[in-house]
Amino acid sequence: MDFNYFTMKKHLYQLLVALIALSSLFLVSCNDEEDISSGDIVGTWEWDSFDSEDYWGKQYVQFNADGEYIEVNLNADGTIDYIDRGGQWERNGNAVIISDEGEEIPTTAVITKLSNEDLTLTVLGISMSYKRVDDSVIEKYLNY
């Protein structure tokens, strides 16, 4: 074999390695979308869909690690509207399936945004935004 063959092969290999490194860097830097499928939904979330709480009050939802789903709705004056503790939830990719006791058909919500601080669920074409809060926020209402 001749010297030029090995030199050319070496340069071709170096070029190939450089192209692979460059393309992997490009793929990582161009990925602006969150990886929703790996985000953690477990925890307590406060409804953040409306700018005014004067009419709507507040809503908290909690997805427990054991599959329990809890919802607390407050009136505008801070009194409890209702508490739903009979629910179960499960996650299937970007879908959250919520089954309430007594309901025949479970509710399916699609996770369209999920980070450590923000959660957006879409149910029947309606988007609902939530902010993560400490679990103690909902627990004070559950002691009634």
N, C-alpha and C. Protein backbone atom coordinates (compact mmCIF):
# COMPACT_ATOMS: atom_id res chain seq x y z
N MET A 1 0.84 -1.18 0.00
CA MET A 1 0.00 0.00 0.00
C MET A 1 0.88 1.24 0.00
N ASP A 2 0.36 2.19 -0.57
CA ASP A 2 1.16 3.39 -0.72
C ASP A 2 0.83 4.41 0.35
N PHE A 3 1.79 5.30 0.61
CA PHE A 3 1.69 6.28 1.69
C PHE A 3 0.47 7.19 1.53
N ASN A 4 0.16 7.58 0.32
CA ASN A 4 -0.97 8.48 0.07
C ASN A 4 -2.30 7.83 0.44
N TYR A 5 -2.42 6.53 0.29
CA TYR A 5 -3.65 5.81 0.65
C TYR A 5 -3.92 5.94 2.14
N PHE A 6 -2.86 5.70 2.99
CA PHE A 6 -3.04 5.79 4.43
C PHE A 6 -3.28 7.23 4.89
N THR A 7 -2.61 8.17 4.27
CA THR A 7 -2.80 9.58 4.61
C THR A 7 -4.22 10.01 4.25
N MET A 8 -4.67 9.61 3.07
CA MET A 8 -6.02 9.96 2.65
C MET A 8 -7.06 9.30 3.56
N LYS A 9 -6.83 8.04 3.92
CA LYS A 9 -7.74 7.32 4.80
C LYS A 9 -7.80 7.99 6.18
N LYS A 10 -6.64 8.42 6.68
CA LYS A 10 -6.58 9.10 7.98
C LYS A 10 -7.36 10.42 7.94
N HIS A 11 -7.17 11.20 6.88
CA HIS A 11 -7.87 12.48 6.75
C HIS A 11 -9.37 12.27 6.56
N LEU A 12 -9.74 11.25 5.83
CA LEU A 12 -11.15 10.94 5.64
C LEU A 12 -11.80 10.56 6.98
N TYR A 13 -11.10 9.77 7.79
CA TYR A 13 -11.59 9.38 9.11
C TYR A 13 -11.76 10.63 10.00
N GLN A 14 -10.76 11.53 10.00
CA GLN A 14 -10.84 12.74 10.80
C GLN A 14 -12.00 13.63 10.35
N LEU A 15 -12.20 13.71 9.05
CA LEU A 15 -13.31 14.49 8.52
C LEU A 15 -14.65 13.89 8.95
N LEU A 16 -14.75 12.57 8.90
CA LEU A 16 -15.98 11.89 9.30
C LEU A 16 -16.27 12.14 10.79
N VAL A 17 -15.27 12.04 11.64
CA VAL A 17 -15.44 12.29 13.07
C VAL A 17 -15.87 13.74 13.31
N ALA A 18 -15.25 14.68 12.59
CA ALA A 18 -15.60 16.09 12.74
C ALA A 18 -17.04 16.34 12.30
N LEU A 19 -17.47 15.70 11.21
CA LEU A 19 -18.85 15.87 10.74
C LEU A 19 -19.85 15.29 11.73
N ILE A 20 -19.55 14.15 12.30
CA ILE A 20 -20.45 13.55 13.30
C ILE A 20 -20.55 14.46 14.52
N ALA A 21 -19.41 14.97 15.00
CA ALA A 21 -19.42 15.86 16.16
C ALA A 21 -20.20 17.14 15.86
N LEU A 22 -19.99 17.70 14.69
CA LEU A 22 -20.68 18.93 14.30
C LEU A 22 -22.19 18.70 14.16
N SER A 23 -22.58 17.59 13.55
CA SER A 23 -24.01 17.31 13.38
C SER A 23 -24.69 17.04 14.72
N SER A 24 -24.02 16.37 15.65
CA SER A 24 -24.64 16.14 16.96
C SER A 24 -24.77 17.45 17.72
N LEU A 25 -23.80 18.34 17.59
CA LEU A 25 -23.90 19.66 18.22
C LEU A 25 -25.06 20.44 17.63
N PHE A 26 -25.23 20.38 16.32
CA PHE A 26 -26.32 21.07 15.63
C PHE A 26 -27.67 20.54 16.09
N LEU A 27 -27.79 19.23 16.21
CA LEU A 27 -29.07 18.63 16.63
C LEU A 27 -29.43 19.03 18.05
N VAL A 28 -28.46 19.07 18.94
CA VAL A 28 -28.73 19.45 20.32
C VAL A 28 -29.08 20.93 20.41
N SER A 29 -28.38 21.78 19.70
CA SER A 29 -28.63 23.21 19.82
C SER A 29 -29.92 23.64 19.15
N CYS A 30 -30.43 22.87 18.20
CA CYS A 30 -31.65 23.26 17.50
C CYS A 30 -32.90 22.74 18.18
N ASN A 31 -32.78 21.98 19.22
CA ASN A 31 -33.94 21.40 19.89
C ASN A 31 -34.44 22.35 20.96
N ASP A 32 -35.34 23.29 20.57
CA ASP A 32 -35.89 24.26 21.51
C ASP A 32 -37.10 23.73 22.26
N GLU A 33 -37.71 22.65 21.78
CA GLU A 33 -38.90 22.12 22.41
C GLU A 33 -38.53 21.32 23.66
N GLU A 34 -39.39 21.39 24.65
CA GLU A 34 -39.19 20.62 25.87
C GLU A 34 -39.48 19.16 25.59
N ASP A 35 -38.82 18.29 26.35
CA ASP A 35 -39.13 16.88 26.27
C ASP A 35 -40.23 16.60 27.28
N ILE A 36 -41.46 16.76 26.84
CA ILE A 36 -42.62 16.63 27.72
C ILE A 36 -42.72 15.21 28.28
N SER A 37 -42.35 14.23 27.49
CA SER A 37 -42.54 12.85 27.91
C SER A 37 -41.74 12.49 29.15
N SER A 38 -40.67 13.21 29.45
CA SER A 38 -39.87 12.86 30.61
C SER A 38 -40.09 13.80 31.80
N GLY A 39 -40.93 14.82 31.65
CA GLY A 39 -41.19 15.75 32.74
C GLY A 39 -42.00 15.09 33.85
N ASP A 40 -41.88 15.64 35.06
CA ASP A 40 -42.57 15.06 36.22
C ASP A 40 -43.81 15.88 36.56
N ILE A 41 -44.96 15.26 36.42
CA ILE A 41 -46.24 15.91 36.71
C ILE A 41 -46.63 15.75 38.18
N VAL A 42 -45.98 14.85 38.90
CA VAL A 42 -46.32 14.59 40.30
C VAL A 42 -46.08 15.85 41.11
N GLY A 43 -47.10 16.24 41.88
CA GLY A 43 -47.01 17.42 42.72
C GLY A 43 -48.30 18.20 42.72
N THR A 44 -48.26 19.40 43.26
CA THR A 44 -49.44 20.25 43.38
C THR A 44 -49.30 21.43 42.43
N TRP A 45 -50.42 21.73 41.75
CA TRP A 45 -50.44 22.78 40.73
C TRP A 45 -51.59 23.74 40.99
N GLU A 46 -51.34 25.04 40.82
CA GLU A 46 -52.39 26.06 40.96
C GLU A 46 -52.79 26.54 39.58
N TRP A 47 -54.10 26.59 39.36
CA TRP A 47 -54.65 27.02 38.08
C TRP A 47 -54.24 28.46 37.83
N ASP A 48 -53.76 28.73 36.62
CA ASP A 48 -53.24 30.05 36.28
C ASP A 48 -53.78 30.52 34.93
N SER A 49 -54.95 30.03 34.54
CA SER A 49 -55.47 30.31 33.20
C SER A 49 -56.04 31.70 33.03
N PHE A 50 -56.56 32.29 34.08
CA PHE A 50 -57.22 33.58 33.96
C PHE A 50 -56.43 34.64 34.71
N ASP A 51 -56.48 35.87 34.20
CA ASP A 51 -55.77 36.98 34.84
C ASP A 51 -56.46 37.43 36.12
N SER A 52 -57.77 37.28 36.19
CA SER A 52 -58.53 37.77 37.34
C SER A 52 -59.04 36.61 38.19
N GLU A 53 -58.79 36.69 39.48
CA GLU A 53 -59.30 35.68 40.40
C GLU A 53 -60.60 36.16 41.06
N ASP A 54 -61.05 37.37 40.71
CA ASP A 54 -62.23 37.94 41.35
C ASP A 54 -63.47 37.08 41.13
N TYR A 55 -63.60 36.54 39.93
CA TYR A 55 -64.79 35.76 39.61
C TYR A 55 -64.54 34.27 39.80
N TRP A 56 -63.40 33.81 39.36
CA TRP A 56 -63.15 32.38 39.30
C TRP A 56 -62.62 31.76 40.57
N GLY A 57 -62.07 32.52 41.49
CA GLY A 57 -61.47 31.92 42.67
C GLY A 57 -60.19 31.22 42.29
N LYS A 58 -59.89 30.12 42.98
CA LYS A 58 -58.66 29.37 42.71
C LYS A 58 -58.99 27.89 42.57
N GLN A 59 -58.11 27.21 41.86
CA GLN A 59 -58.22 25.76 41.74
C GLN A 59 -56.83 25.18 41.92
N TYR A 60 -56.77 24.11 42.69
CA TYR A 60 -55.53 23.37 42.87
C TYR A 60 -55.78 21.92 42.45
N VAL A 61 -54.80 21.34 41.78
CA VAL A 61 -54.86 19.92 41.49
C VAL A 61 -53.56 19.30 41.98
N GLN A 62 -53.70 18.08 42.46
CA GLN A 62 -52.52 17.37 42.96
C GLN A 62 -52.49 15.99 42.34
N PHE A 63 -51.35 15.68 41.72
CA PHE A 63 -51.10 14.36 41.17
C PHE A 63 -50.12 13.67 42.11
N ASN A 64 -50.61 12.70 42.87
CA ASN A 64 -49.75 11.99 43.81
C ASN A 64 -49.05 10.84 43.12
N ALA A 65 -47.89 10.48 43.65
CA ALA A 65 -47.09 9.41 43.06
C ALA A 65 -47.81 8.06 43.09
N ASP A 66 -48.76 7.89 44.02
CA ASP A 66 -49.48 6.62 44.12
C ASP A 66 -50.68 6.55 43.17
N GLY A 67 -50.86 7.55 42.30
CA GLY A 67 -51.96 7.54 41.34
C GLY A 67 -53.21 8.25 41.81
N GLU A 68 -53.19 8.83 43.02
CA GLU A 68 -54.35 9.56 43.51
C GLU A 68 -54.38 10.96 42.91
N TYR A 69 -55.58 11.41 42.53
CA TYR A 69 -55.81 12.74 41.98
C TYR A 69 -56.73 13.48 42.92
N ILE A 70 -56.32 14.69 43.33
CA ILE A 70 -57.12 15.52 44.23
C ILE A 70 -57.32 16.88 43.57
N GLU A 71 -58.54 17.40 43.67
CA GLU A 71 -58.84 18.72 43.13
C GLU A 71 -59.54 19.53 44.22
N VAL A 72 -59.08 20.76 44.42
CA VAL A 72 -59.70 21.67 45.38
C VAL A 72 -60.05 22.94 44.63
N ASN A 73 -61.32 23.34 44.70
CA ASN A 73 -61.78 24.57 44.07
C ASN A 73 -62.24 25.53 45.16
N LEU A 74 -61.76 26.77 45.06
CA LEU A 74 -62.12 27.80 46.02
C LEU A 74 -62.97 28.87 45.35
N ASN A 75 -63.89 29.44 46.11
CA ASN A 75 -64.66 30.58 45.64
C ASN A 75 -63.76 31.81 45.64
N ALA A 76 -64.24 32.89 45.04
CA ALA A 76 -63.47 34.13 44.96
C ALA A 76 -63.11 34.67 46.34
N ASP A 77 -63.96 34.38 47.36
CA ASP A 77 -63.68 34.88 48.71
C ASP A 77 -62.76 33.95 49.51
N GLY A 78 -62.27 32.87 48.87
CA GLY A 78 -61.33 31.96 49.54
C GLY A 78 -61.98 30.79 50.25
N THR A 79 -63.32 30.75 50.28
CA THR A 79 -64.00 29.61 50.89
C THR A 79 -63.99 28.43 49.92
N ILE A 80 -64.13 27.25 50.47
CA ILE A 80 -64.07 26.04 49.65
C ILE A 80 -65.36 25.87 48.86
N ASP A 81 -65.23 25.73 47.56
CA ASP A 81 -66.37 25.43 46.69
C ASP A 81 -66.60 23.92 46.73
N TYR A 82 -65.58 23.15 46.39
CA TYR A 82 -65.66 21.70 46.54
C TYR A 82 -64.28 21.08 46.54
N ILE A 83 -64.20 19.87 47.10
CA ILE A 83 -62.98 19.07 47.12
C ILE A 83 -63.31 17.72 46.52
N ASP A 84 -62.52 17.30 45.54
CA ASP A 84 -62.68 16.00 44.90
C ASP A 84 -61.48 15.15 45.27
N ARG A 85 -61.71 14.14 46.12
CA ARG A 85 -60.63 13.25 46.55
C ARG A 85 -60.80 11.85 46.01
N GLY A 86 -61.78 11.61 45.17
CA GLY A 86 -62.05 10.25 44.72
C GLY A 86 -61.44 9.89 43.39
N GLY A 87 -60.44 10.64 42.96
CA GLY A 87 -59.91 10.42 41.62
C GLY A 87 -58.62 9.63 41.58
N GLN A 88 -58.40 9.01 40.45
CA GLN A 88 -57.16 8.32 40.15
C GLN A 88 -56.63 8.87 38.84
N TRP A 89 -55.35 8.85 38.66
CA TRP A 89 -54.76 9.32 37.42
C TRP A 89 -53.66 8.37 36.98
N GLU A 90 -53.45 8.36 35.68
CA GLU A 90 -52.32 7.63 35.13
C GLU A 90 -51.82 8.39 33.91
N ARG A 91 -50.55 8.23 33.66
CA ARG A 91 -49.95 8.93 32.53
C ARG A 91 -49.57 7.92 31.45
N ASN A 92 -49.94 8.28 30.22
CA ASN A 92 -49.60 7.46 29.07
C ASN A 92 -48.96 8.38 28.04
N GLY A 93 -47.64 8.50 28.06
CA GLY A 93 -46.94 9.44 27.18
C GLY A 93 -47.29 10.86 27.57
N ASN A 94 -47.87 11.62 26.66
CA ASN A 94 -48.28 12.99 26.94
C ASN A 94 -49.76 13.10 27.31
N ALA A 95 -50.40 11.98 27.55
CA ALA A 95 -51.80 11.98 27.96
C ALA A 95 -51.90 11.65 29.45
N VAL A 96 -52.77 12.38 30.13
CA VAL A 96 -53.09 12.09 31.53
C VAL A 96 -54.55 11.68 31.56
N ILE A 97 -54.79 10.48 32.07
CA ILE A 97 -56.16 9.95 32.14
C ILE A 97 -56.61 10.04 33.59
N ILE A 98 -57.69 10.80 33.82
CA ILE A 98 -58.20 11.03 35.16
C ILE A 98 -59.55 10.33 35.28
N SER A 99 -59.65 9.44 36.26
CA SER A 99 -60.89 8.71 36.51
C SER A 99 -61.42 9.14 37.87
N ASP A 100 -62.63 9.69 37.86
CA ASP A 100 -63.27 10.08 39.11
C ASP A 100 -64.26 9.02 39.53
N GLU A 101 -64.35 8.82 40.82
CA GLU A 101 -65.31 7.86 41.37
C GLU A 101 -66.72 8.25 40.94
N GLY A 102 -67.46 7.32 40.39
CA GLY A 102 -68.83 7.57 39.97
C GLY A 102 -68.97 8.01 38.53
N GLU A 103 -67.88 8.35 37.87
CA GLU A 103 -67.95 8.73 36.46
C GLU A 103 -67.61 7.53 35.60
N GLU A 104 -68.43 7.30 34.58
CA GLU A 104 -68.22 6.15 33.71
C GLU A 104 -67.08 6.37 32.72
N ILE A 105 -66.93 7.58 32.22
CA ILE A 105 -65.93 7.85 31.20
C ILE A 105 -64.82 8.71 31.81
N PRO A 106 -63.57 8.22 31.77
CA PRO A 106 -62.48 9.03 32.31
C PRO A 106 -62.20 10.25 31.43
N THR A 107 -61.60 11.27 32.02
CA THR A 107 -61.20 12.48 31.30
C THR A 107 -59.76 12.30 30.84
N THR A 108 -59.52 12.61 29.57
CA THR A 108 -58.17 12.56 29.05
C THR A 108 -57.69 13.97 28.77
N ALA A 109 -56.57 14.32 29.36
CA ALA A 109 -55.95 15.63 29.15
C ALA A 109 -54.61 15.41 28.45
N VAL A 110 -54.30 16.29 27.53
CA VAL A 110 -53.03 16.21 26.82
C VAL A 110 -52.08 17.25 27.41
N ILE A 111 -50.89 16.80 27.78
CA ILE A 111 -49.88 17.71 28.30
C ILE A 111 -49.24 18.41 27.11
N THR A 112 -49.41 19.74 27.04
CA THR A 112 -48.80 20.49 25.95
C THR A 112 -47.58 21.28 26.42
N LYS A 113 -47.43 21.43 27.73
CA LYS A 113 -46.25 22.07 28.29
C LYS A 113 -46.02 21.50 29.68
N LEU A 114 -44.77 21.18 29.98
CA LEU A 114 -44.42 20.66 31.29
C LEU A 114 -42.98 21.02 31.61
N SER A 115 -42.81 21.77 32.68
CA SER A 115 -41.48 22.08 33.19
C SER A 115 -41.56 21.99 34.71
N ASN A 116 -40.50 22.33 35.39
CA ASN A 116 -40.52 22.30 36.85
C ASN A 116 -41.53 23.28 37.43
N GLU A 117 -41.82 24.36 36.70
CA GLU A 117 -42.72 25.40 37.21
C GLU A 117 -44.06 25.47 36.51
N ASP A 118 -44.15 25.03 35.26
CA ASP A 118 -45.36 25.23 34.46
C ASP A 118 -45.91 23.92 33.91
N LEU A 119 -47.24 23.87 33.86
CA LEU A 119 -47.96 22.73 33.29
C LEU A 119 -49.13 23.28 32.49
N THR A 120 -49.27 22.84 31.26
CA THR A 120 -50.44 23.19 30.47
C THR A 120 -51.09 21.91 30.00
N LEU A 121 -52.37 21.77 30.34
CA LEU A 121 -53.18 20.63 29.94
C LEU A 121 -54.24 21.10 28.96
N THR A 122 -54.52 20.29 27.96
CA THR A 122 -55.58 20.60 27.01
C THR A 122 -56.63 19.50 27.11
N VAL A 123 -57.87 19.92 27.41
CA VAL A 123 -59.00 19.00 27.53
C VAL A 123 -60.09 19.51 26.61
N LEU A 124 -60.53 18.66 25.68
CA LEU A 124 -61.57 19.02 24.72
C LEU A 124 -61.27 20.34 24.01
N GLY A 125 -60.01 20.56 23.67
CA GLY A 125 -59.61 21.76 22.95
C GLY A 125 -59.41 22.99 23.81
N ILE A 126 -59.62 22.87 25.11
CA ILE A 126 -59.46 24.01 26.02
C ILE A 126 -58.15 23.85 26.77
N SER A 127 -57.30 24.88 26.69
CA SER A 127 -56.00 24.87 27.36
C SER A 127 -56.13 25.43 28.76
N MET A 128 -55.53 24.74 29.72
CA MET A 128 -55.52 25.19 31.10
C MET A 128 -54.08 25.22 31.59
N SER A 129 -53.66 26.38 32.08
CA SER A 129 -52.28 26.55 32.54
C SER A 129 -52.23 26.49 34.06
N TYR A 130 -51.17 25.87 34.56
CA TYR A 130 -50.97 25.73 36.01
C TYR A 130 -49.54 26.10 36.36
N LYS A 131 -49.35 26.58 37.58
CA LYS A 131 -48.03 26.84 38.15
C LYS A 131 -47.83 25.87 39.31
N ARG A 132 -46.63 25.31 39.41
CA ARG A 132 -46.34 24.40 40.52
C ARG A 132 -46.27 25.19 41.83
N VAL A 133 -46.89 24.62 42.86
CA VAL A 133 -46.85 25.20 44.20
C VAL A 133 -46.46 24.10 45.17
N ASP A 134 -46.11 24.49 46.36
CA ASP A 134 -45.74 23.52 47.39
C ASP A 134 -46.97 22.69 47.78
N ASP A 135 -46.75 21.41 48.08
CA ASP A 135 -47.85 20.51 48.45
C ASP A 135 -48.63 21.01 49.66
N SER A 136 -47.98 21.77 50.53
CA SER A 136 -48.67 22.26 51.74
C SER A 136 -49.82 23.21 51.41
N VAL A 137 -49.80 23.83 50.22
CA VAL A 137 -50.86 24.75 49.83
C VAL A 137 -52.20 24.02 49.76
N ILE A 138 -52.23 22.84 49.19
CA ILE A 138 -53.48 22.09 49.07
C ILE A 138 -53.81 21.32 50.36
N GLU A 139 -52.80 20.91 51.08
CA GLU A 139 -53.01 20.08 52.27
C GLU A 139 -53.79 20.80 53.36
N LYS A 140 -53.67 22.13 53.44
CA LYS A 140 -54.43 22.87 54.47
C LYS A 140 -55.94 22.77 54.22
N TYR A 141 -56.35 22.57 52.97
CA TYR A 141 -57.78 22.44 52.66
C TYR A 141 -58.27 21.01 52.84
N LEU A 142 -57.37 20.07 52.84
CA LEU A 142 -57.76 18.66 52.95
C LEU A 142 -58.00 18.22 54.38
N ASN A 143 -57.68 19.04 55.35
CA ASN A 143 -57.86 18.68 56.76
C ASN A 143 -59.25 18.98 57.28
N TYR A 144 -60.17 19.41 56.40
CA TYR A 144 -61.54 19.71 56.82
C TYR A 144 -62.32 18.45 57.04
